[in-house]
């Protein structure tokens, strides 16, 4: 499925930055003209942004184009925010990588064998709800009941399978440990310290002139909008929206160990 994308690059090699920026501009421009890229690009070297440019259409129906302030869903990059909050709570001695799922959900099947670390690493064996589900809503109770009825795909720690479900559970655990909503915890621990003033949740309900539109089909002749997702949407597995500049702030804070320690970041 082709959708609007946003990416962040860091230029670490030596050489002629202007020449490299020119080559990058030619490359992305060519893809944009073929309707194979639609978004914003930011490249940094050291502490300097050496290239930043927007390409393509923000909203075809309105005839608006992307700019560097365009807001995009970042989907599964959200998982890095969730993991960062978890490691912050570990540093605050409120959690441990060895804490069991049964500590938070005593009746969860095999919950005493599933750790926080397993959830972070997609090694829990818990069924990934995006493979298919019949949940009537996205409440915590419904979600836990649905997962509890699914057999584990493999013994915890003995396999690997990408699991959005695991990150939903981490979001609920963050709520239980902090006493505040997952979204509020991300704002408190990450958005506010990083001054990410253009990032948030509930993209579908967002009213902002900079909001992008995602497309299921994006060709020269056809622009078919992708289905939007009701809040909480992908929740702690993928609900955040942001801008390329806000993500750069996040990246710089991580690299400077301003959010979590060097040891935590390397472990993560």
C-alpha atoms as a PDB file:
ATOM      1  CA  UNK A   1       0.000   0.000   0.000  1.00  0.00           C
ATOM      2  CA  UNK A   2       1.500   3.284  -1.080  1.00  0.00           C
ATOM      3  CA  UNK A   3       1.098   6.114   1.423  1.00  0.00           C
ATOM      4  CA  UNK A   4       2.730   9.368   2.269  1.00  0.00           C
ATOM      5  CA  UNK A   5       6.022   8.790   3.994  1.00  0.00           C
ATOM      6  CA  UNK A   6       8.415  10.840   6.061  1.00  0.00           C
ATOM      7  CA  UNK A   7      11.996   9.911   6.689  1.00  0.00           C
ATOM      8  CA  UNK A   8      14.980  11.262   8.563  1.00  0.00           C
ATOM      9  CA  UNK A   9      18.535  10.739   7.342  1.00  0.00           C
ATOM     10  CA  UNK A  10      21.859  11.475   8.980  1.00  0.00           C
ATOM     11  CA  UNK A  11      24.818  12.128   6.749  1.00  0.00           C
ATOM     12  CA  UNK A  12      27.903  10.835   8.504  1.00  0.00           C
ATOM     13  CA  UNK A  13      30.381  10.478   5.669  1.00  0.00           C
ATOM     14  CA  UNK A  14      33.014  12.984   4.699  1.00  0.00           C
ATOM     15  CA  UNK A  15      33.149  14.683   1.342  1.00  0.00           C
ATOM     16  CA  UNK A  16      31.518  17.537  -0.442  1.00  0.00           C
ATOM     17  CA  UNK A  17      28.229  18.136   1.368  1.00  0.00           C
ATOM     18  CA  UNK A  18      26.885  20.428  -1.349  1.00  0.00           C
ATOM     19  CA  UNK A  19      27.579  17.837  -4.041  1.00  0.00           C
ATOM     20  CA  UNK A  20      25.978  15.087  -1.972  1.00  0.00           C
ATOM     21  CA  UNK A  21      22.938  17.254  -1.287  1.00  0.00           C
ATOM     22  CA  UNK A  22      22.613  17.949  -4.995  1.00  0.00           C
ATOM     23  CA  UNK A  23      22.758  14.233  -5.776  1.00  0.00           C
ATOM     24  CA  UNK A  24      20.147  13.513  -3.121  1.00  0.00           C
ATOM     25  CA  UNK A  25      17.899  16.255  -4.463  1.00  0.00           C
ATOM     26  CA  UNK A  26      18.141  14.819  -7.965  1.00  0.00           C
ATOM     27  CA  UNK A  27      17.395  11.308  -6.710  1.00  0.00           C
ATOM     28  CA  UNK A  28      14.340  12.207  -4.598  1.00  0.00           C
ATOM     29  CA  UNK A  29      13.036  14.652  -7.207  1.00  0.00           C
ATOM     30  CA  UNK A  30      13.140  11.900  -9.827  1.00  0.00           C
ATOM     31  CA  UNK A  31      11.155   9.563  -7.573  1.00  0.00           C
ATOM     32  CA  UNK A  32       8.664  12.325  -6.782  1.00  0.00           C
ATOM     33  CA  UNK A  33       8.064  12.990 -10.488  1.00  0.00           C
ATOM     34  CA  UNK A  34       7.269   9.282 -10.915  1.00  0.00           C
ATOM     35  CA  UNK A  35       4.830   9.432  -7.968  1.00  0.00           C
ATOM     36  CA  UNK A  36       7.106   7.074  -6.028  1.00  0.00           C
ATOM     37  CA  UNK A  37       7.916   9.465  -3.232  1.00  0.00           C
ATOM     38  CA  UNK A  38       5.640  11.931  -1.511  1.00  0.00           C
ATOM     39  CA  UNK A  39       6.880  13.501   1.704  1.00  0.00           C
ATOM     40  CA  UNK A  40       9.664  15.455   3.370  1.00  0.00           C
ATOM     41  CA  UNK A  41      13.395  14.824   3.683  1.00  0.00           C
ATOM     42  CA  UNK A  42      15.857  16.053   6.304  1.00  0.00           C
ATOM     43  CA  UNK A  43      19.571  15.312   6.264  1.00  0.00           C
ATOM     44  CA  UNK A  44      21.997  16.337   8.992  1.00  0.00           C
ATOM     45  CA  UNK A  45      25.732  16.163   9.481  1.00  0.00           C
ATOM     46  CA  UNK A  46      27.092  16.787  12.950  1.00  0.00           C
ATOM     47  CA  UNK A  47      24.894  19.453  14.511  1.00  0.00           C
ATOM     48  CA  UNK A  48      23.886  21.040  11.228  1.00  0.00           C
ATOM     49  CA  UNK A  49      20.927  20.398   8.936  1.00  0.00           C
ATOM     50  CA  UNK A  50      22.469  20.293   5.469  1.00  0.00           C
ATOM     51  CA  UNK A  51      19.367  19.431   3.450  1.00  0.00           C
ATOM     52  CA  UNK A  52      15.642  19.845   4.087  1.00  0.00           C
ATOM     53  CA  UNK A  53      12.983  19.808   1.429  1.00  0.00           C
ATOM     54  CA  UNK A  54       9.392  18.757   0.801  1.00  0.00           C
ATOM     55  CA  UNK A  55       8.062  16.893  -2.224  1.00  0.00           C
ATOM     56  CA  UNK A  56       4.680  16.036  -3.647  1.00  0.00           C
ATOM     57  CA  UNK A  57       1.087  16.531  -2.659  1.00  0.00           C
ATOM     58  CA  UNK A  58      -0.273  17.066   0.839  1.00  0.00           C
ATOM     59  CA  UNK A  59      -3.906  16.812  -0.215  1.00  0.00           C
ATOM     60  CA  UNK A  60      -4.915  16.174  -3.815  1.00  0.00           C
ATOM     61  CA  UNK A  61      -8.551  17.223  -3.362  1.00  0.00           C
ATOM     62  CA  UNK A  62      -7.523  20.588  -1.917  1.00  0.00           C
ATOM     63  CA  UNK A  63      -4.620  21.038  -4.317  1.00  0.00           C
ATOM     64  CA  UNK A  64      -2.085  21.589  -1.523  1.00  0.00           C
ATOM     65  CA  UNK A  65       1.559  20.527  -1.602  1.00  0.00           C
ATOM     66  CA  UNK A  66       3.813  19.242   1.135  1.00  0.00           C
ATOM     67  CA  UNK A  67       6.156  21.592   2.939  1.00  0.00           C
ATOM     68  CA  UNK A  68       8.555  21.072   5.834  1.00  0.00           C
ATOM     69  CA  UNK A  69       5.709  21.651   8.303  1.00  0.00           C
ATOM     70  CA  UNK A  70       3.533  18.846   6.935  1.00  0.00           C
ATOM     71  CA  UNK A  71       2.209  16.485   9.595  1.00  0.00           C
ATOM     72  CA  UNK A  72       2.488  12.762   8.871  1.00  0.00           C
ATOM     73  CA  UNK A  73       1.540   9.617  10.715  1.00  0.00           C
ATOM     74  CA  UNK A  74       4.811   7.955  11.698  1.00  0.00           C
ATOM     75  CA  UNK A  75       3.139   4.599  12.412  1.00  0.00           C
ATOM     76  CA  UNK A  76       5.586   2.030  13.837  1.00  0.00           C
ATOM     77  CA  UNK A  77       8.301   4.573  14.604  1.00  0.00           C
ATOM     78  CA  UNK A  78       5.917   5.104  17.549  1.00  0.00           C
ATOM     79  CA  UNK A  79       7.330   1.887  19.005  1.00  0.00           C
ATOM     80  CA  UNK A  80      10.639   3.636  19.683  1.00  0.00           C
ATOM     81  CA  UNK A  81       8.762   6.227  21.768  1.00  0.00           C
ATOM     82  CA  UNK A  82       6.994   3.469  23.702  1.00  0.00           C
ATOM     83  CA  UNK A  83      10.283   1.678  24.334  1.00  0.00           C
ATOM     84  CA  UNK A  84      11.919   4.933  25.455  1.00  0.00           C
ATOM     85  CA  UNK A  85       9.222   5.519  28.080  1.00  0.00           C
ATOM     86  CA  UNK A  86       9.597   1.932  29.287  1.00  0.00           C
ATOM     87  CA  UNK A  87      13.351   2.383  29.735  1.00  0.00           C
ATOM     88  CA  UNK A  88      12.776   5.696  31.506  1.00  0.00           C
ATOM     89  CA  UNK A  89      10.460   3.945  33.959  1.00  0.00           C
ATOM     90  CA  UNK A  90      13.111   1.271  34.456  1.00  0.00           C
ATOM     91  CA  UNK A  91      15.630   4.006  35.277  1.00  0.00           C
ATOM     92  CA  UNK A  92      13.129   5.409  37.773  1.00  0.00           C
ATOM     93  CA  UNK A  93      12.953   1.954  39.403  1.00  0.00           C
ATOM     94  CA  UNK A  94       9.268   1.654  38.568  1.00  0.00           C
ATOM     95  CA  UNK A  95       9.758  -1.264  36.180  1.00  0.00           C
ATOM     96  CA  UNK A  96      12.236  -3.998  35.355  1.00  0.00           C
ATOM     97  CA  UNK A  97      12.997  -5.805  32.113  1.00  0.00           C
ATOM     98  CA  UNK A  98      12.371  -8.998  34.062  1.00  0.00           C
ATOM     99  CA  UNK A  99       8.910  -7.985  35.270  1.00  0.00           C
ATOM    100  CA  UNK A 100       6.329 -10.540  34.174  1.00  0.00           C
ATOM    101  CA  UNK A 101       3.130  -9.829  32.304  1.00  0.00           C
ATOM    102  CA  UNK A 102       1.316 -11.632  35.118  1.00  0.00           C
ATOM    103  CA  UNK A 103       2.308  -8.778  37.443  1.00  0.00           C
ATOM    104  CA  UNK A 104      -0.113  -6.554  35.532  1.00  0.00           C
ATOM    105  CA  UNK A 105      -2.545  -9.195  34.211  1.00  0.00           C
ATOM    106  CA  UNK A 106      -2.573 -12.097  36.712  1.00  0.00           C
ATOM    107  CA  UNK A 107      -4.950 -14.258  34.657  1.00  0.00           C
ATOM    108  CA  UNK A 108      -3.160 -13.848  31.299  1.00  0.00           C
ATOM    109  CA  UNK A 109      -2.237 -17.318  29.982  1.00  0.00           C
ATOM    110  CA  UNK A 110       1.489 -18.043  30.460  1.00  0.00           C
ATOM    111  CA  UNK A 111       1.796 -14.477  31.743  1.00  0.00           C
ATOM    112  CA  UNK A 112       4.353 -15.579  34.315  1.00  0.00           C
ATOM    113  CA  UNK A 113       6.657 -16.618  31.438  1.00  0.00           C
ATOM    114  CA  UNK A 114       6.373 -13.376  29.441  1.00  0.00           C
ATOM    115  CA  UNK A 115       8.662 -10.506  30.444  1.00  0.00           C
ATOM    116  CA  UNK A 116       8.819  -6.810  29.584  1.00  0.00           C
ATOM    117  CA  UNK A 117      11.956  -7.626  27.621  1.00  0.00           C
ATOM    118  CA  UNK A 118      10.076 -10.225  25.556  1.00  0.00           C
ATOM    119  CA  UNK A 119       7.425  -7.636  24.689  1.00  0.00           C
ATOM    120  CA  UNK A 120      10.041  -5.064  23.680  1.00  0.00           C
ATOM    121  CA  UNK A 121      11.907  -7.553  21.493  1.00  0.00           C
ATOM    122  CA  UNK A 122       8.876  -9.193  19.794  1.00  0.00           C
ATOM    123  CA  UNK A 123       9.804 -12.465  21.503  1.00  0.00           C
ATOM    124  CA  UNK A 124       6.693 -12.961  23.648  1.00  0.00           C
ATOM    125  CA  UNK A 125       4.889 -15.331  21.271  1.00  0.00           C
ATOM    126  CA  UNK A 126       1.691 -13.299  21.736  1.00  0.00           C
ATOM    127  CA  UNK A 127      -0.590 -13.251  18.691  1.00  0.00           C
ATOM    128  CA  UNK A 128      -0.292 -10.121  16.560  1.00  0.00           C
ATOM    129  CA  UNK A 129      -3.802  -8.659  16.391  1.00  0.00           C
ATOM    130  CA  UNK A 130      -3.154  -7.015  13.002  1.00  0.00           C
ATOM    131  CA  UNK A 131      -3.082 -10.474  11.416  1.00  0.00           C
ATOM    132  CA  UNK A 132      -6.839 -10.484  11.935  1.00  0.00           C
ATOM    133  CA  UNK A 133      -9.246  -9.891  14.777  1.00  0.00           C
ATOM    134  CA  UNK A 134     -12.911  -9.671  15.639  1.00  0.00           C
ATOM    135  CA  UNK A 135     -12.669  -7.189  18.514  1.00  0.00           C
ATOM    136  CA  UNK A 136     -15.844  -5.140  18.933  1.00  0.00           C
ATOM    137  CA  UNK A 137     -13.856  -2.159  20.188  1.00  0.00           C
ATOM    138  CA  UNK A 138     -10.327  -1.144  21.164  1.00  0.00           C
ATOM    139  CA  UNK A 139     -10.785  -1.028  24.913  1.00  0.00           C
ATOM    140  CA  UNK A 140      -8.197  -2.578  27.224  1.00  0.00           C
ATOM    141  CA  UNK A 141     -10.656  -5.187  28.525  1.00  0.00           C
ATOM    142  CA  UNK A 142     -11.647  -6.295  25.027  1.00  0.00           C
ATOM    143  CA  UNK A 143      -8.032  -6.401  23.891  1.00  0.00           C
ATOM    144  CA  UNK A 144      -6.857  -8.514  26.833  1.00  0.00           C
ATOM    145  CA  UNK A 145      -9.817 -10.873  26.467  1.00  0.00           C
ATOM    146  CA  UNK A 146      -9.088 -11.306  22.742  1.00  0.00           C
ATOM    147  CA  UNK A 147      -5.375 -12.024  23.249  1.00  0.00           C
ATOM    148  CA  UNK A 148      -6.026 -14.356  26.180  1.00  0.00           C
ATOM    149  CA  UNK A 149      -8.113 -16.581  23.927  1.00  0.00           C
ATOM    150  CA  UNK A 150      -5.303 -16.922  21.372  1.00  0.00           C
ATOM    151  CA  UNK A 151      -2.629 -19.590  21.903  1.00  0.00           C
ATOM    152  CA  UNK A 152       0.963 -18.391  21.981  1.00  0.00           C
ATOM    153  CA  UNK A 153       2.717 -18.677  18.626  1.00  0.00           C
ATOM    154  CA  UNK A 154       5.843 -20.013  20.345  1.00  0.00           C
ATOM    155  CA  UNK A 155       7.167 -20.343  23.905  1.00  0.00           C
ATOM    156  CA  UNK A 156       8.197 -16.888  25.246  1.00  0.00           C
ATOM    157  CA  UNK A 157      11.813 -16.124  24.417  1.00  0.00           C
ATOM    158  CA  UNK A 158      12.112 -19.087  22.025  1.00  0.00           C
ATOM    159  CA  UNK A 159      11.160 -17.370  18.796  1.00  0.00           C
ATOM    160  CA  UNK A 160      10.583 -14.008  17.109  1.00  0.00           C
ATOM    161  CA  UNK A 161       7.532 -12.558  15.431  1.00  0.00           C
ATOM    162  CA  UNK A 162       6.751  -8.885  14.886  1.00  0.00           C
ATOM    163  CA  UNK A 163       3.955  -8.091  17.312  1.00  0.00           C
ATOM    164  CA  UNK A 164       1.923  -4.913  17.470  1.00  0.00           C
ATOM    165  CA  UNK A 165       0.035  -6.597  20.309  1.00  0.00           C
ATOM    166  CA  UNK A 166       3.160  -6.583  22.468  1.00  0.00           C
ATOM    167  CA  UNK A 167       3.486  -2.818  22.137  1.00  0.00           C
ATOM    168  CA  UNK A 168      -0.189  -2.298  22.925  1.00  0.00           C
ATOM    169  CA  UNK A 169       0.470  -4.203  26.149  1.00  0.00           C
ATOM    170  CA  UNK A 170       3.494  -2.015  26.868  1.00  0.00           C
ATOM    171  CA  UNK A 171       1.264   1.035  26.444  1.00  0.00           C
ATOM    172  CA  UNK A 172      -1.202  -0.341  28.978  1.00  0.00           C
ATOM    173  CA  UNK A 173       1.646  -1.175  31.351  1.00  0.00           C
ATOM    174  CA  UNK A 174       2.918   2.409  31.071  1.00  0.00           C
ATOM    175  CA  UNK A 175      -0.555   3.594  32.081  1.00  0.00           C
ATOM    176  CA  UNK A 176      -0.661   1.272  35.069  1.00  0.00           C
ATOM    177  CA  UNK A 177       2.806   2.256  36.283  1.00  0.00           C
ATOM    178  CA  UNK A 178       2.500   6.029  35.771  1.00  0.00           C
ATOM    179  CA  UNK A 179      -1.165   6.448  36.630  1.00  0.00           C
ATOM    180  CA  UNK A 180      -1.679   8.590  33.518  1.00  0.00           C
ATOM    181  CA  UNK A 181      -2.741   7.845  29.948  1.00  0.00           C
ATOM    182  CA  UNK A 182      -0.092   6.407  27.630  1.00  0.00           C
ATOM    183  CA  UNK A 183      -0.394   9.459  25.385  1.00  0.00           C
ATOM    184  CA  UNK A 184       0.155  11.812  28.322  1.00  0.00           C
ATOM    185  CA  UNK A 185       3.211   9.798  29.421  1.00  0.00           C
ATOM    186  CA  UNK A 186       4.785  10.156  25.962  1.00  0.00           C
ATOM    187  CA  UNK A 187       4.136  13.893  26.050  1.00  0.00           C
ATOM    188  CA  UNK A 188       5.642  14.223  29.528  1.00  0.00           C
ATOM    189  CA  UNK A 189       8.703  12.046  28.981  1.00  0.00           C
ATOM    190  CA  UNK A 190       9.488  12.847  25.331  1.00  0.00           C
ATOM    191  CA  UNK A 191       7.449  15.520  23.523  1.00  0.00           C
ATOM    192  CA  UNK A 192       7.878  18.204  26.178  1.00  0.00           C
ATOM    193  CA  UNK A 193      11.625  17.708  26.897  1.00  0.00           C
ATOM    194  CA  UNK A 194      12.329  17.598  23.147  1.00  0.00           C
ATOM    195  CA  UNK A 195      10.073  20.601  22.449  1.00  0.00           C
ATOM    196  CA  UNK A 196       8.168  18.505  19.902  1.00  0.00           C
ATOM    197  CA  UNK A 197       5.299  20.970  19.604  1.00  0.00           C
ATOM    198  CA  UNK A 198       3.965  19.544  16.348  1.00  0.00           C
ATOM    199  CA  UNK A 199       3.576  15.912  17.373  1.00  0.00           C
ATOM    200  CA  UNK A 200       0.637  14.098  18.895  1.00  0.00           C
ATOM    201  CA  UNK A 201      -1.994  11.358  18.620  1.00  0.00           C
ATOM    202  CA  UNK A 202      -5.528  10.911  17.218  1.00  0.00           C
ATOM    203  CA  UNK A 203      -4.537  11.888  13.691  1.00  0.00           C
ATOM    204  CA  UNK A 204      -7.981  11.153  12.259  1.00  0.00           C
ATOM    205  CA  UNK A 205      -9.656  13.797  14.396  1.00  0.00           C
ATOM    206  CA  UNK A 206      -6.850  16.348  13.957  1.00  0.00           C
ATOM    207  CA  UNK A 207      -7.883  19.701  12.530  1.00  0.00           C
ATOM    208  CA  UNK A 208      -4.745  21.342  11.192  1.00  0.00           C
ATOM    209  CA  UNK A 209      -3.897  22.966   7.870  1.00  0.00           C
ATOM    210  CA  UNK A 210      -0.593  21.063   7.848  1.00  0.00           C
ATOM    211  CA  UNK A 211      -2.213  17.619   8.111  1.00  0.00           C
ATOM    212  CA  UNK A 212      -1.292  15.261   5.268  1.00  0.00           C
ATOM    213  CA  UNK A 213      -3.603  12.845   3.496  1.00  0.00           C
ATOM    214  CA  UNK A 214      -2.523   9.236   3.007  1.00  0.00           C
ATOM    215  CA  UNK A 215      -3.198   7.498  -0.310  1.00  0.00           C
ATOM    216  CA  UNK A 216      -3.816   3.843  -1.072  1.00  0.00           C
ATOM    217  CA  UNK A 217      -3.263   4.537  -4.766  1.00  0.00           C
ATOM    218  CA  UNK A 218      -1.042   7.417  -5.815  1.00  0.00           C
ATOM    219  CA  UNK A 219      -0.461   7.690  -9.556  1.00  0.00           C
ATOM    220  CA  UNK A 220      -0.517  10.522 -12.070  1.00  0.00           C
ATOM    221  CA  UNK A 221      -4.147   9.754 -12.920  1.00  0.00           C
ATOM    222  CA  UNK A 222      -5.512   8.313  -9.667  1.00  0.00           C
ATOM    223  CA  UNK A 223      -5.303   9.511  -6.071  1.00  0.00           C
ATOM    224  CA  UNK A 224      -7.302   7.105  -3.892  1.00  0.00           C
ATOM    225  CA  UNK A 225      -7.312   8.081  -0.238  1.00  0.00           C
ATOM    226  CA  UNK A 226      -6.378   5.383   2.282  1.00  0.00           C
ATOM    227  CA  UNK A 227      -8.818   4.439   5.019  1.00  0.00           C
ATOM    228  CA  UNK A 228      -8.248   6.545   8.097  1.00  0.00           C
ATOM    229  CA  UNK A 229      -8.126   4.900  11.513  1.00  0.00           C
ATOM    230  CA  UNK A 230     -10.278   5.765  14.500  1.00  0.00           C
ATOM    231  CA  UNK A 231      -8.568   6.689  17.785  1.00  0.00           C
ATOM    232  CA  UNK A 232      -6.773   5.114  19.543  1.00  0.00           C
ATOM    233  CA  UNK A 233      -5.801   3.643  16.194  1.00  0.00           C
ATOM    234  CA  UNK A 234      -2.556   1.656  16.422  1.00  0.00           C
ATOM    235  CA  UNK A 235      -2.114   3.045  19.955  1.00  0.00           C
ATOM    236  CA  UNK A 236       1.348   2.442  21.489  1.00  0.00           C
ATOM    237  CA  UNK A 237       2.352   0.465  18.390  1.00  0.00           C
ATOM    238  CA  UNK A 238       1.829   3.245  15.854  1.00  0.00           C
ATOM    239  CA  UNK A 239      -0.483   6.171  16.658  1.00  0.00           C
ATOM    240  CA  UNK A 240       1.926   9.132  16.693  1.00  0.00           C
ATOM    241  CA  UNK A 241       1.982  11.869  14.058  1.00  0.00           C
ATOM    242  CA  UNK A 242       4.877  14.252  13.675  1.00  0.00           C
ATOM    243  CA  UNK A 243       6.954  16.457  11.385  1.00  0.00           C
ATOM    244  CA  UNK A 244      10.437  15.905  10.044  1.00  0.00           C
ATOM    245  CA  UNK A 245      11.767  18.688  12.284  1.00  0.00           C
ATOM    246  CA  UNK A 246      10.169  17.236  15.409  1.00  0.00           C
ATOM    247  CA  UNK A 247      11.622  13.822  14.622  1.00  0.00           C
ATOM    248  CA  UNK A 248      15.024  15.458  14.215  1.00  0.00           C
ATOM    249  CA  UNK A 249      14.638  16.953  17.704  1.00  0.00           C
ATOM    250  CA  UNK A 250      13.815  13.466  19.005  1.00  0.00           C
ATOM    251  CA  UNK A 251      16.818  11.970  17.249  1.00  0.00           C
ATOM    252  CA  UNK A 252      19.194  14.611  18.615  1.00  0.00           C
ATOM    253  CA  UNK A 253      17.889  14.151  22.165  1.00  0.00           C
ATOM    254  CA  UNK A 254      18.389  10.397  21.940  1.00  0.00           C
ATOM    255  CA  UNK A 255      21.910  10.757  20.602  1.00  0.00           C
ATOM    256  CA  UNK A 256      22.766  13.163  23.430  1.00  0.00           C
ATOM    257  CA  UNK A 257      21.255  10.756  26.021  1.00  0.00           C
ATOM    258  CA  UNK A 258      18.853  13.445  27.224  1.00  0.00           C
ATOM    259  CA  UNK A 259      15.868  11.095  27.365  1.00  0.00           C
ATOM    260  CA  UNK A 260      17.422   7.908  28.680  1.00  0.00           C
ATOM    261  CA  UNK A 261      20.973   7.059  29.679  1.00  0.00           C
ATOM    262  CA  UNK A 262      23.697   5.832  27.354  1.00  0.00           C
ATOM    263  CA  UNK A 263      23.437   2.380  28.900  1.00  0.00           C
ATOM    264  CA  UNK A 264      19.656   2.264  28.456  1.00  0.00           C
ATOM    265  CA  UNK A 265      19.830   3.436  24.849  1.00  0.00           C
ATOM    266  CA  UNK A 266      22.443   0.856  23.920  1.00  0.00           C
ATOM    267  CA  UNK A 267      20.418  -1.839  25.665  1.00  0.00           C
ATOM    268  CA  UNK A 268      17.294  -0.715  23.847  1.00  0.00           C
END
